[in-house]
Structure formats: structure tokens, C-alpha cells
């Protein structure tokens, strides 16, 4: 569980770092959605609420969060 928690923290850091290319931030958001845990859902919702991210990235975070909710994981 700790390993997954560390992975989540790293992905959130990448997804919210505006100095990293948009492609890498989007990939990190996709990977968070693939994890599909409650913690990943919370991380995606936090990213969606981040005013510094561009709309496309916030919309992707919402989309991936919605997919986790629908899957019932």
C-alpha cells in the first residue's frame, strides 16, 4: 500500500508541475485514472480543482474521476 501511495504522490506532483510539459502532465493524469483507487479519485478531484492547470487537464481529471466512480472501485 505504501508503494502505491508513493506512486500516487509522484504522479500528483508531475500532474501539477507547470514546469513539466503538458504531455507528461496529461500522461500522469491518465495513470492516476488507471490506478482507480479511492485515493486516486481524491487526487484527481484535487487536480480538477487546481486553478493553475489548464482547462484541458482539469477536464481530463474530471473525466477520469467520473470513470472511477462509475466503475465502483
Protein backbone atom coordinates (compact mmCIF):
# COMPACT_ATOMS: atom_id res chain seq x y z
CA UNK A 1 0.00 0.00 0.00
CA UNK A 2 2.85 2.38 0.78
CA UNK A 3 4.33 1.75 -2.65
CA UNK A 4 1.04 2.73 -4.27
CA UNK A 5 0.83 5.81 -2.04
CA UNK A 6 4.31 6.88 -3.14
CA UNK A 7 3.33 6.34 -6.77
CA UNK A 8 0.22 8.49 -6.28
CA UNK A 9 2.26 11.27 -4.71
CA UNK A 10 4.74 11.21 -7.59
CA UNK A 11 2.00 11.25 -10.22
CA UNK A 12 0.19 14.13 -8.49
CA UNK A 13 3.46 16.05 -8.32
CA UNK A 14 4.04 15.52 -12.04
CA UNK A 15 0.44 16.35 -12.96
CA UNK A 16 0.52 19.63 -11.06
CA UNK A 17 4.03 20.79 -12.02
CA UNK A 18 3.60 23.52 -14.64
CA UNK A 19 7.30 23.41 -15.50
CA UNK A 20 6.83 19.93 -16.95
CA UNK A 21 5.45 19.55 -20.48
CA UNK A 22 1.69 19.28 -20.91
CA UNK A 23 2.09 15.82 -22.47
CA UNK A 24 3.72 14.47 -19.31
CA UNK A 25 1.11 16.10 -17.07
CA UNK A 26 -1.67 14.54 -19.15
CA UNK A 27 0.02 11.13 -19.00
CA UNK A 28 0.24 11.42 -15.21
CA UNK A 29 -3.49 12.19 -15.02
CA UNK A 30 -4.23 9.18 -17.23
CA UNK A 31 -2.12 6.95 -15.00
CA UNK A 32 -3.93 8.21 -11.90
CA UNK A 33 -7.18 7.22 -13.55
CA UNK A 34 -5.78 3.79 -14.36
CA UNK A 35 -4.92 3.20 -10.70
CA UNK A 36 -8.61 3.57 -9.91
CA UNK A 37 -8.45 3.60 -6.12
CA UNK A 38 -10.29 5.92 -3.76
CA UNK A 39 -7.01 7.75 -3.15
CA UNK A 40 -6.51 8.19 -6.89
CA UNK A 41 -10.07 9.52 -7.16
CA UNK A 42 -9.36 12.11 -4.47
CA UNK A 43 -6.12 13.07 -6.17
CA UNK A 44 -7.92 13.55 -9.49
CA UNK A 45 -10.58 15.71 -7.85
CA UNK A 46 -7.87 17.79 -6.22
CA UNK A 47 -6.22 18.28 -9.62
CA UNK A 48 -9.58 19.26 -11.13
CA UNK A 49 -9.85 21.99 -8.52
CA UNK A 50 -6.35 23.32 -9.18
CA UNK A 51 -6.80 26.77 -10.73
CA UNK A 52 -3.27 26.74 -12.13
CA UNK A 53 -3.90 23.82 -14.51
CA UNK A 54 -5.25 24.46 -17.99
CA UNK A 55 -8.87 23.60 -18.75
CA UNK A 56 -7.99 20.55 -20.84
CA UNK A 57 -6.09 18.98 -17.94
CA UNK A 58 -8.82 19.79 -15.41
CA UNK A 59 -11.47 18.32 -17.72
CA UNK A 60 -9.38 15.17 -18.15
CA UNK A 61 -9.03 14.83 -14.37
CA UNK A 62 -12.82 15.12 -14.00
CA UNK A 63 -13.38 12.58 -16.78
CA UNK A 64 -11.00 10.08 -15.20
CA UNK A 65 -12.56 10.65 -11.75
CA UNK A 66 -16.00 10.02 -13.24
CA UNK A 67 -14.75 6.74 -14.73
CA UNK A 68 -13.51 5.60 -11.31
CA UNK A 69 -16.87 6.46 -9.75
CA UNK A 70 -18.81 4.61 -12.46
CA UNK A 71 -16.64 1.52 -12.09
CA UNK A 72 -17.48 1.35 -8.39
CA UNK A 73 -13.90 0.65 -7.35
